[in-house]
Amino acid sequence: MAPTPWKTRSSRAIYANKWLRLREDIAELPDGRTTIYGVVSTGSCVGVLPFVDDDHVLMIRQYRYVFGENQRWEMPTGGVHTDETPEQAAQRELGEEIGYRAARLEHVSTFYTSKSVVEEVAHIYLGYGLSPATLPPDETEFFEQAVLPFANVLAMVVRSEIRDAMTVIAVLHAARIKQQGTFYGHF
């Protein structure tokens, strides 16, 4: 039998900016007790692993303030705006971050980036048939780009050199698809 849902007794906004909202709820537990529960809402996000050909992907690096790092490769990712679908957001992010558009996006996963305190849904795609389509980057984004062999990117995931969840999930899905033999012929 599924666990009994908690009931939200009250909710109050604590903080908000253009990227996130923080609220504090009072939740009633199944046994009648209450607890404080903090929730960070960021909306939906997308990520695209862009394949240049069957064996190479276009990756980016940027400074990641929270971890103080600038050496880790990742795929293009970003938020879904209110007026767009995840597919439209994926194409926009490709244009902003690598200057390309994908002729075809293949959805490989939708997941929760955190199962407890962050309310964010991620949509992951593989991108094929890249063509130039440059859009201006967000005002806080500064990128380095490189075309890397997919085998090297997969090895970086296995060694935990690539650590962001969206890229890890996309690379592992792509490796699974390649191993099943259903990957080739996408170009």
N, C-alpha and C. Protein backbone atom coordinates (compact mmCIF):
# COMPACT_ATOMS: atom_id res chain seq x y z
N MET A 1 0.84 -1.18 0.00
CA MET A 1 0.00 0.00 0.00
C MET A 1 0.89 1.24 0.00
N ALA A 2 0.50 2.23 -0.79
CA ALA A 2 1.27 3.48 -0.90
C ALA A 2 1.22 4.26 0.41
N PRO A 3 2.31 4.99 0.73
CA PRO A 3 2.31 5.83 1.94
C PRO A 3 1.22 6.89 1.90
N THR A 4 0.73 7.25 3.07
CA THR A 4 -0.30 8.27 3.19
C THR A 4 0.28 9.65 2.87
N PRO A 5 -0.38 10.41 2.00
CA PRO A 5 0.13 11.76 1.68
C PRO A 5 0.10 12.69 2.89
N TRP A 6 1.05 13.60 2.92
CA TRP A 6 1.04 14.66 3.93
C TRP A 6 0.07 15.74 3.47
N LYS A 7 -0.42 16.54 4.43
CA LYS A 7 -1.34 17.64 4.10
C LYS A 7 -0.66 18.97 4.40
N THR A 8 -0.74 19.89 3.46
CA THR A 8 -0.18 21.23 3.68
C THR A 8 -1.20 22.04 4.47
N ARG A 9 -0.82 22.45 5.68
CA ARG A 9 -1.70 23.25 6.54
C ARG A 9 -1.54 24.75 6.27
N SER A 10 -0.32 25.17 5.96
CA SER A 10 -0.08 26.58 5.62
C SER A 10 1.19 26.67 4.80
N SER A 11 1.33 27.77 4.11
CA SER A 11 2.51 27.99 3.27
C SER A 11 2.79 29.48 3.24
N ARG A 12 4.06 29.84 3.36
CA ARG A 12 4.40 31.27 3.27
C ARG A 12 5.67 31.44 2.46
N ALA A 13 5.67 32.49 1.64
CA ALA A 13 6.84 32.83 0.83
C ALA A 13 7.92 33.40 1.73
N ILE A 14 9.16 32.95 1.53
CA ILE A 14 10.30 33.42 2.31
C ILE A 14 11.18 34.33 1.46
N TYR A 15 11.41 33.92 0.20
CA TYR A 15 12.34 34.64 -0.66
C TYR A 15 12.01 34.30 -2.12
N ALA A 16 12.26 35.26 -3.01
CA ALA A 16 12.09 34.99 -4.44
C ALA A 16 13.01 35.91 -5.24
N ASN A 17 13.56 35.38 -6.34
CA ASN A 17 14.24 36.18 -7.34
C ASN A 17 13.85 35.60 -8.70
N LYS A 18 14.49 36.02 -9.78
CA LYS A 18 14.04 35.55 -11.09
C LYS A 18 14.41 34.08 -11.36
N TRP A 19 15.24 33.48 -10.53
CA TRP A 19 15.67 32.10 -10.74
C TRP A 19 15.01 31.10 -9.79
N LEU A 20 14.62 31.55 -8.59
CA LEU A 20 14.07 30.59 -7.63
C LEU A 20 13.13 31.26 -6.63
N ARG A 21 12.35 30.40 -5.99
CA ARG A 21 11.46 30.82 -4.91
C ARG A 21 11.67 29.87 -3.73
N LEU A 22 11.65 30.42 -2.52
CA LEU A 22 11.77 29.61 -1.31
C LEU A 22 10.51 29.84 -0.49
N ARG A 23 9.89 28.72 -0.07
CA ARG A 23 8.71 28.84 0.78
C ARG A 23 8.87 27.92 1.99
N GLU A 24 8.13 28.23 3.04
CA GLU A 24 8.11 27.40 4.23
C GLU A 24 6.68 26.93 4.46
N ASP A 25 6.50 25.62 4.47
CA ASP A 25 5.19 25.02 4.69
C ASP A 25 5.10 24.43 6.09
N ILE A 26 3.90 24.38 6.61
CA ILE A 26 3.60 23.57 7.78
C ILE A 26 2.82 22.38 7.22
N ALA A 27 3.40 21.19 7.37
CA ALA A 27 2.80 19.98 6.82
C ALA A 27 2.33 19.07 7.95
N GLU A 28 1.14 18.50 7.75
CA GLU A 28 0.62 17.53 8.71
C GLU A 28 1.03 16.13 8.26
N LEU A 29 1.65 15.40 9.17
CA LEU A 29 2.10 14.05 8.91
C LEU A 29 0.93 13.07 9.06
N PRO A 30 1.05 11.86 8.56
CA PRO A 30 -0.04 10.88 8.65
C PRO A 30 -0.52 10.60 10.08
N ASP A 31 0.36 10.78 11.07
CA ASP A 31 -0.04 10.52 12.46
C ASP A 31 -0.62 11.75 13.16
N GLY A 32 -0.81 12.86 12.40
CA GLY A 32 -1.43 14.06 12.96
C GLY A 32 -0.46 15.11 13.45
N ARG A 33 0.81 14.76 13.66
CA ARG A 33 1.80 15.76 14.06
C ARG A 33 2.07 16.69 12.87
N THR A 34 2.66 17.86 13.15
CA THR A 34 3.04 18.78 12.08
C THR A 34 4.54 19.00 12.09
N THR A 35 5.05 19.42 10.93
CA THR A 35 6.47 19.71 10.80
C THR A 35 6.64 20.88 9.85
N ILE A 36 7.76 21.58 10.00
CA ILE A 36 8.12 22.64 9.06
C ILE A 36 8.83 21.99 7.88
N TYR A 37 8.48 22.43 6.67
CA TYR A 37 9.11 21.88 5.48
C TYR A 37 9.47 23.03 4.54
N GLY A 38 10.76 23.17 4.25
CA GLY A 38 11.22 24.20 3.31
C GLY A 38 11.27 23.64 1.91
N VAL A 39 10.79 24.43 0.94
CA VAL A 39 10.77 24.01 -0.46
C VAL A 39 11.37 25.11 -1.33
N VAL A 40 12.35 24.74 -2.15
CA VAL A 40 12.93 25.63 -3.14
C VAL A 40 12.32 25.26 -4.49
N SER A 41 11.67 26.21 -5.15
CA SER A 41 11.06 25.98 -6.47
C SER A 41 11.86 26.72 -7.52
N THR A 42 12.27 25.99 -8.55
CA THR A 42 13.03 26.62 -9.63
C THR A 42 12.35 26.45 -10.99
N GLY A 43 11.26 25.72 -11.05
CA GLY A 43 10.59 25.49 -12.32
C GLY A 43 11.22 24.32 -13.04
N SER A 44 10.98 24.24 -14.33
CA SER A 44 11.53 23.15 -15.14
C SER A 44 12.83 23.58 -15.80
N CYS A 45 13.64 22.58 -16.14
CA CYS A 45 14.89 22.84 -16.84
C CYS A 45 15.08 21.81 -17.95
N VAL A 46 16.00 22.11 -18.86
CA VAL A 46 16.29 21.21 -19.97
C VAL A 46 17.79 21.06 -20.13
N GLY A 47 18.17 19.96 -20.76
CA GLY A 47 19.55 19.74 -21.13
C GLY A 47 19.59 18.97 -22.44
N VAL A 48 20.58 19.30 -23.28
CA VAL A 48 20.73 18.63 -24.56
C VAL A 48 22.17 18.18 -24.72
N LEU A 49 22.35 16.89 -25.01
CA LEU A 49 23.66 16.38 -25.35
C LEU A 49 23.75 16.43 -26.88
N PRO A 50 24.47 17.43 -27.43
CA PRO A 50 24.47 17.66 -28.88
C PRO A 50 25.56 16.83 -29.59
N PHE A 51 25.11 15.93 -30.45
CA PHE A 51 26.02 15.09 -31.22
C PHE A 51 26.39 15.77 -32.52
N VAL A 52 27.68 15.93 -32.75
CA VAL A 52 28.21 16.48 -33.99
C VAL A 52 28.16 15.39 -35.07
N ASP A 53 28.48 14.17 -34.67
CA ASP A 53 28.36 12.97 -35.50
C ASP A 53 28.15 11.82 -34.52
N ASP A 54 28.16 10.58 -35.01
CA ASP A 54 27.89 9.44 -34.13
C ASP A 54 28.88 9.30 -32.97
N ASP A 55 30.08 9.85 -33.11
CA ASP A 55 31.11 9.61 -32.11
C ASP A 55 31.64 10.85 -31.40
N HIS A 56 31.04 12.03 -31.65
CA HIS A 56 31.54 13.27 -31.05
C HIS A 56 30.38 14.14 -30.55
N VAL A 57 30.60 14.76 -29.39
CA VAL A 57 29.61 15.68 -28.82
C VAL A 57 30.24 17.04 -28.59
N LEU A 58 29.41 18.06 -28.64
CA LEU A 58 29.86 19.42 -28.38
C LEU A 58 29.55 19.72 -26.91
N MET A 59 30.60 19.98 -26.14
CA MET A 59 30.46 20.23 -24.70
C MET A 59 30.90 21.65 -24.37
N ILE A 60 30.48 22.11 -23.19
CA ILE A 60 30.86 23.44 -22.73
C ILE A 60 31.47 23.35 -21.34
N ARG A 61 32.21 24.41 -21.01
CA ARG A 61 32.69 24.63 -19.65
C ARG A 61 32.36 26.07 -19.29
N GLN A 62 32.01 26.27 -18.04
CA GLN A 62 31.79 27.61 -17.53
C GLN A 62 32.07 27.59 -16.04
N TYR A 63 32.28 28.76 -15.48
CA TYR A 63 32.53 28.85 -14.05
C TYR A 63 31.23 28.56 -13.31
N ARG A 64 31.28 27.64 -12.37
CA ARG A 64 30.12 27.30 -11.55
C ARG A 64 30.34 27.84 -10.15
N TYR A 65 29.66 28.94 -9.86
CA TYR A 65 29.86 29.72 -8.64
C TYR A 65 29.68 28.89 -7.37
N VAL A 66 28.63 28.09 -7.29
CA VAL A 66 28.34 27.34 -6.06
C VAL A 66 29.50 26.44 -5.65
N PHE A 67 30.14 25.80 -6.63
CA PHE A 67 31.23 24.88 -6.32
C PHE A 67 32.60 25.50 -6.57
N GLY A 68 32.65 26.72 -7.09
CA GLY A 68 33.92 27.39 -7.35
C GLY A 68 34.78 26.64 -8.34
N GLU A 69 34.14 26.07 -9.38
CA GLU A 69 34.86 25.25 -10.35
C GLU A 69 34.71 25.80 -11.76
N ASN A 70 35.75 25.59 -12.57
CA ASN A 70 35.69 25.99 -13.98
C ASN A 70 36.28 24.94 -14.90
N GLN A 71 36.54 23.73 -14.37
CA GLN A 71 37.25 22.74 -15.17
C GLN A 71 36.36 21.59 -15.64
N ARG A 72 35.12 21.54 -15.26
CA ARG A 72 34.27 20.39 -15.60
C ARG A 72 33.46 20.63 -16.86
N TRP A 73 33.46 19.65 -17.75
CA TRP A 73 32.68 19.73 -18.97
C TRP A 73 31.22 19.37 -18.66
N GLU A 74 30.33 19.98 -19.40
CA GLU A 74 28.91 19.70 -19.26
C GLU A 74 28.23 19.94 -20.59
N MET A 75 26.99 19.51 -20.69
CA MET A 75 26.21 19.76 -21.90
C MET A 75 25.43 21.07 -21.71
N PRO A 76 24.91 21.65 -22.77
CA PRO A 76 24.07 22.85 -22.63
C PRO A 76 22.82 22.54 -21.80
N THR A 77 22.56 23.40 -20.83
CA THR A 77 21.39 23.25 -19.96
C THR A 77 20.83 24.61 -19.63
N GLY A 78 19.61 24.64 -19.15
CA GLY A 78 19.03 25.90 -18.71
C GLY A 78 17.57 25.74 -18.36
N GLY A 79 16.98 26.85 -17.93
CA GLY A 79 15.59 26.84 -17.50
C GLY A 79 14.60 26.92 -18.65
N VAL A 80 13.41 26.41 -18.40
CA VAL A 80 12.30 26.51 -19.34
C VAL A 80 11.53 27.78 -18.98
N HIS A 81 11.40 28.68 -19.93
CA HIS A 81 10.64 29.91 -19.70
C HIS A 81 9.14 29.60 -19.66
N THR A 82 8.38 30.46 -19.03
CA THR A 82 6.95 30.26 -18.85
C THR A 82 6.21 30.04 -20.17
N ASP A 83 6.62 30.72 -21.22
CA ASP A 83 5.90 30.68 -22.49
C ASP A 83 6.44 29.67 -23.50
N GLU A 84 7.25 28.70 -23.06
CA GLU A 84 7.83 27.76 -24.01
C GLU A 84 7.70 26.32 -23.54
N THR A 85 7.74 25.41 -24.51
CA THR A 85 7.75 23.99 -24.21
C THR A 85 9.18 23.57 -23.88
N PRO A 86 9.36 22.39 -23.29
CA PRO A 86 10.73 21.93 -23.06
C PRO A 86 11.54 21.83 -24.35
N GLU A 87 10.92 21.41 -25.45
CA GLU A 87 11.64 21.31 -26.72
C GLU A 87 12.09 22.69 -27.21
N GLN A 88 11.22 23.68 -27.09
CA GLN A 88 11.59 25.04 -27.48
C GLN A 88 12.72 25.56 -26.59
N ALA A 89 12.65 25.27 -25.31
CA ALA A 89 13.71 25.69 -24.38
C ALA A 89 15.03 25.01 -24.74
N ALA A 90 14.97 23.73 -25.11
CA ALA A 90 16.18 23.00 -25.49
C ALA A 90 16.82 23.64 -26.71
N GLN A 91 16.03 23.99 -27.71
CA GLN A 91 16.58 24.64 -28.91
C GLN A 91 17.17 26.01 -28.55
N ARG A 92 16.49 26.76 -27.70
CA ARG A 92 16.99 28.08 -27.29
C ARG A 92 18.32 27.93 -26.56
N GLU A 93 18.40 26.98 -25.63
CA GLU A 93 19.65 26.77 -24.89
C GLU A 93 20.79 26.38 -25.83
N LEU A 94 20.52 25.54 -26.82
CA LEU A 94 21.56 25.20 -27.80
C LEU A 94 22.06 26.45 -28.51
N GLY A 95 21.14 27.32 -28.93
CA GLY A 95 21.52 28.55 -29.61
C GLY A 95 22.32 29.49 -28.73
N GLU A 96 21.91 29.62 -27.47
CA GLU A 96 22.59 30.52 -26.54
C GLU A 96 23.97 30.00 -26.13
N GLU A 97 24.08 28.69 -25.92
CA GLU A 97 25.29 28.14 -25.31
C GLU A 97 26.31 27.58 -26.29
N ILE A 98 25.85 27.09 -27.46
CA ILE A 98 26.83 26.56 -28.42
C ILE A 98 26.66 27.14 -29.83
N GLY A 99 25.60 27.95 -30.05
CA GLY A 99 25.41 28.57 -31.36
C GLY A 99 24.87 27.64 -32.44
N TYR A 100 24.11 26.62 -32.03
CA TYR A 100 23.54 25.67 -32.98
C TYR A 100 22.09 25.38 -32.66
N ARG A 101 21.42 24.78 -33.62
CA ARG A 101 20.07 24.26 -33.49
C ARG A 101 20.13 22.79 -33.90
N ALA A 102 19.31 21.96 -33.29
CA ALA A 102 19.27 20.54 -33.63
C ALA A 102 18.12 20.29 -34.61
N ALA A 103 18.41 19.56 -35.67
CA ALA A 103 17.35 19.17 -36.61
C ALA A 103 16.38 18.21 -35.92
N ARG A 104 16.91 17.45 -34.97
CA ARG A 104 16.05 16.49 -34.25
C ARG A 104 16.49 16.40 -32.79
N LEU A 105 15.51 16.45 -31.90
CA LEU A 105 15.73 16.23 -30.48
C LEU A 105 15.08 14.90 -30.10
N GLU A 106 15.84 14.06 -29.42
CA GLU A 106 15.30 12.78 -28.94
C GLU A 106 15.21 12.84 -27.42
N HIS A 107 13.99 12.80 -26.90
CA HIS A 107 13.79 12.84 -25.45
C HIS A 107 14.26 11.51 -24.86
N VAL A 108 15.10 11.58 -23.82
CA VAL A 108 15.58 10.35 -23.19
C VAL A 108 15.20 10.22 -21.71
N SER A 109 14.82 11.33 -21.06
CA SER A 109 14.47 11.22 -19.65
C SER A 109 13.81 12.50 -19.14
N THR A 110 12.89 12.32 -18.22
CA THR A 110 12.35 13.41 -17.41
C THR A 110 12.49 12.95 -15.97
N PHE A 111 13.07 13.79 -15.11
CA PHE A 111 13.31 13.38 -13.74
C PHE A 111 13.27 14.58 -12.79
N TYR A 112 13.16 14.28 -11.51
CA TYR A 112 13.23 15.29 -10.46
C TYR A 112 14.69 15.47 -10.08
N THR A 113 15.17 16.71 -10.08
CA THR A 113 16.58 16.93 -9.74
C THR A 113 16.86 16.69 -8.26
N SER A 114 15.84 16.78 -7.44
CA SER A 114 15.94 16.46 -6.01
C SER A 114 14.60 15.89 -5.60
N LYS A 115 14.62 14.87 -4.80
CA LYS A 115 13.35 14.26 -4.40
C LYS A 115 12.82 14.80 -3.07
N SER A 116 13.52 15.75 -2.47
CA SER A 116 13.10 16.16 -1.14
C SER A 116 12.78 17.64 -1.01
N VAL A 117 13.72 18.54 -1.22
CA VAL A 117 13.46 19.95 -0.92
C VAL A 117 13.49 20.88 -2.14
N VAL A 118 13.90 20.38 -3.30
CA VAL A 118 13.93 21.22 -4.50
C VAL A 118 12.84 20.74 -5.45
N GLU A 119 11.98 21.69 -5.83
CA GLU A 119 10.89 21.39 -6.77
C GLU A 119 11.36 21.82 -8.16
N GLU A 120 11.95 20.88 -8.90
CA GLU A 120 12.48 21.14 -10.23
C GLU A 120 12.36 19.85 -11.05
N VAL A 121 11.84 19.99 -12.27
CA VAL A 121 11.71 18.86 -13.19
C VAL A 121 12.65 19.10 -14.35
N ALA A 122 13.49 18.09 -14.65
CA ALA A 122 14.47 18.20 -15.73
C ALA A 122 14.04 17.33 -16.91
N HIS A 123 14.22 17.87 -18.11
CA HIS A 123 13.93 17.16 -19.36
C HIS A 123 15.24 17.04 -20.14
N ILE A 124 15.62 15.81 -20.47
CA ILE A 124 16.90 15.55 -21.12
C ILE A 124 16.67 15.08 -22.55
N TYR A 125 17.49 15.63 -23.46
CA TYR A 125 17.40 15.29 -24.88
C TYR A 125 18.79 14.97 -25.43
N LEU A 126 18.79 14.18 -26.49
CA LEU A 126 19.96 14.04 -27.34
C LEU A 126 19.65 14.86 -28.58
N GLY A 127 20.63 15.64 -29.06
CA GLY A 127 20.42 16.50 -30.22
C GLY A 127 21.22 16.01 -31.41
N TYR A 128 20.58 15.98 -32.59
CA TYR A 128 21.22 15.50 -33.81
C TYR A 128 21.02 16.50 -34.94
N GLY A 129 21.92 16.45 -35.92
CA GLY A 129 21.80 17.30 -37.10
C GLY A 129 21.96 18.77 -36.77
N LEU A 130 23.09 19.12 -36.19
CA LEU A 130 23.32 20.50 -35.75
C LEU A 130 23.55 21.43 -36.94
N SER A 131 22.94 22.61 -36.87
CA SER A 131 23.19 23.65 -37.86
C SER A 131 23.32 24.98 -37.12
N PRO A 132 24.13 25.92 -37.66
CA PRO A 132 24.35 27.18 -36.97
C PRO A 132 23.05 27.95 -36.71
N ALA A 133 22.92 28.45 -35.49
CA ALA A 133 21.75 29.24 -35.09
C ALA A 133 22.10 29.96 -33.79
N THR A 134 22.94 30.95 -33.88
CA THR A 134 23.46 31.63 -32.69
C THR A 134 22.43 32.56 -32.07
N LEU A 135 22.29 32.47 -30.77
CA LEU A 135 21.49 33.40 -29.97
C LEU A 135 22.41 34.01 -28.93
N PRO A 136 22.11 35.23 -28.47
CA PRO A 136 22.96 35.82 -27.43
C PRO A 136 22.86 35.02 -26.12
N PRO A 137 23.99 34.79 -25.44
CA PRO A 137 23.94 34.06 -24.17
C PRO A 137 23.28 34.90 -23.09
N ASP A 138 22.87 34.23 -22.01
CA ASP A 138 22.38 34.96 -20.84
C ASP A 138 23.48 35.88 -20.34
N GLU A 139 23.11 36.93 -19.65
CA GLU A 139 24.07 37.95 -19.23
C GLU A 139 25.12 37.44 -18.23
N THR A 140 24.87 36.31 -17.57
CA THR A 140 25.83 35.79 -16.59
C THR A 140 26.59 34.57 -17.10
N GLU A 141 26.47 34.27 -18.40
CA GLU A 141 27.09 33.06 -18.93
C GLU A 141 28.28 33.39 -19.83
N PHE A 142 29.40 32.70 -19.56
CA PHE A 142 30.62 32.82 -20.33
C PHE A 142 31.13 31.40 -20.55
N PHE A 143 31.23 30.98 -21.80
CA PHE A 143 31.48 29.57 -22.12
C PHE A 143 32.78 29.33 -22.84
N GLU A 144 33.33 28.15 -22.61
CA GLU A 144 34.35 27.55 -23.46
C GLU A 144 33.66 26.35 -24.11
N GLN A 145 33.92 26.12 -25.39
CA GLN A 145 33.32 25.00 -26.10
C GLN A 145 34.39 24.08 -26.64
N ALA A 146 34.03 22.81 -26.81
CA ALA A 146 34.93 21.84 -27.43
C ALA A 146 34.13 20.67 -27.97
N VAL A 147 34.57 20.16 -29.10
CA VAL A 147 34.03 18.91 -29.62
C VAL A 147 34.90 17.80 -29.04
N LEU A 148 34.26 16.89 -28.31
CA LEU A 148 34.99 15.82 -27.63
C LEU A 148 34.48 14.46 -28.11
N PRO A 149 35.37 13.47 -28.17
CA PRO A 149 34.90 12.12 -28.48
C PRO A 149 33.92 11.65 -27.41
N PHE A 150 32.80 11.07 -27.84
CA PHE A 150 31.81 10.59 -26.88
C PHE A 150 32.44 9.59 -25.91
N ALA A 151 33.32 8.73 -26.39
CA ALA A 151 33.97 7.75 -25.51
C ALA A 151 34.73 8.44 -24.38
N ASN A 152 35.36 9.57 -24.65
CA ASN A 152 36.08 10.32 -23.61
C ASN A 152 35.10 10.92 -22.61
N VAL A 153 33.98 11.43 -23.11
CA VAL A 153 32.96 12.03 -22.24
C VAL A 153 32.37 10.95 -21.33
N LEU A 154 32.09 9.78 -21.87
CA LEU A 154 31.58 8.67 -21.06
C LEU A 154 32.61 8.29 -20.00
N ALA A 155 33.88 8.24 -20.35
CA ALA A 155 34.94 7.93 -19.38
C ALA A 155 34.99 8.99 -18.28
N MET A 156 34.79 10.25 -18.63
CA MET A 156 34.78 11.32 -17.61
C MET A 156 33.61 11.14 -16.65
N VAL A 157 32.46 10.70 -17.16
CA VAL A 157 31.31 10.42 -16.29
C VAL A 157 31.65 9.28 -15.34
N VAL A 158 32.21 8.21 -15.86
CA VAL A 158 32.55 7.04 -15.05
C VAL A 158 33.56 7.40 -13.96
N ARG A 159 34.51 8.29 -14.26
CA ARG A 159 35.52 8.71 -13.28
C ARG A 159 35.03 9.85 -12.37
N SER A 160 33.78 10.26 -12.50
CA SER A 160 33.19 11.37 -11.72
C SER A 160 33.86 12.70 -12.00
N GLU A 161 34.44 12.87 -13.18
CA GLU A 161 34.98 14.16 -13.57
C GLU A 161 33.87 15.06 -14.08
N ILE A 162 32.84 14.48 -14.66
CA ILE A 162 31.61 15.21 -15.00
C ILE A 162 30.65 14.87 -13.89
N ARG A 163 30.12 15.92 -13.21
CA ARG A 163 29.34 15.69 -12.00
C ARG A 163 27.92 16.23 -12.03
N ASP A 164 27.59 17.07 -13.00
CA ASP A 164 26.23 17.59 -12.96
C ASP A 164 25.27 16.50 -13.42
N ALA A 165 24.18 16.34 -12.69
CA ALA A 165 23.25 15.22 -12.88
C ALA A 165 22.69 15.17 -14.29
N MET A 166 22.35 16.31 -14.86
CA MET A 166 21.74 16.30 -16.19
C MET A 166 22.69 15.72 -17.23
N THR A 167 23.95 16.13 -17.20
CA THR A 167 24.92 15.61 -18.17
C THR A 167 25.19 14.13 -17.91
N VAL A 168 25.34 13.75 -16.66
CA VAL A 168 25.58 12.35 -16.34
C VAL A 168 24.45 11.48 -16.87
N ILE A 169 23.23 11.87 -16.62
CA ILE A 169 22.08 11.08 -17.07
C ILE A 169 22.02 11.01 -18.59
N ALA A 170 22.24 12.13 -19.26
CA ALA A 170 22.20 12.13 -20.73
C ALA A 170 23.28 11.24 -21.32
N VAL A 171 24.50 11.33 -20.79
CA VAL A 171 25.61 10.53 -21.31
C VAL A 171 25.34 9.04 -21.09
N LEU A 172 24.84 8.68 -19.91
CA LEU A 172 24.56 7.26 -19.65
C LEU A 172 23.43 6.74 -20.54
N HIS A 173 22.42 7.55 -20.78
CA HIS A 173 21.35 7.14 -21.71
C HIS A 173 21.91 6.98 -23.12
N ALA A 174 22.72 7.91 -23.56
CA ALA A 174 23.31 7.82 -24.90
C ALA A 174 24.18 6.57 -25.01
N ALA A 175 24.94 6.25 -23.97
CA ALA A 175 25.78 5.05 -24.00
C ALA A 175 24.90 3.80 -24.08
N ARG A 176 23.81 3.79 -23.34
CA ARG A 176 22.88 2.66 -23.39
C ARG A 176 22.31 2.49 -24.79
N ILE A 177 21.90 3.58 -25.39
CA ILE A 177 21.32 3.53 -26.74
C ILE A 177 22.37 3.06 -27.75
N LYS A 178 23.59 3.58 -27.63
CA LYS A 178 24.67 3.14 -28.53
C LYS A 178 24.95 1.65 -28.35
N GLN A 179 24.95 1.17 -27.11
CA GLN A 179 25.23 -0.24 -26.84
C GLN A 179 24.14 -1.14 -27.40
N GLN A 180 22.90 -0.68 -27.39
CA GLN A 180 21.79 -1.46 -27.93
C GLN A 180 21.82 -1.52 -29.45
N GLY A 181 22.67 -0.68 -30.04
CA GLY A 181 22.78 -0.69 -31.49
C GLY A 181 21.69 0.08 -32.20
N THR A 182 20.90 0.85 -31.46
CA THR A 182 19.81 1.62 -32.07
C THR A 182 20.21 3.07 -32.30
N PHE A 183 21.47 3.40 -32.02
CA PHE A 183 21.93 4.78 -32.08
C PHE A 183 22.35 5.19 -33.49
N TYR A 184 23.10 4.34 -34.16
CA TYR A 184 23.70 4.72 -35.42
C TYR A 184 22.66 4.98 -36.49
N GLY A 185 22.99 5.84 -37.40
CA GLY A 185 22.08 6.22 -38.47
C GLY A 185 21.25 7.44 -38.11
N HIS A 186 21.58 8.11 -37.03
CA HIS A 186 20.84 9.31 -36.64
C HIS A 186 21.23 10.53 -37.49
N PHE A 187 22.30 10.40 -38.27
CA PHE A 187 22.78 11.58 -38.97
C PHE A 187 22.53 11.50 -40.45
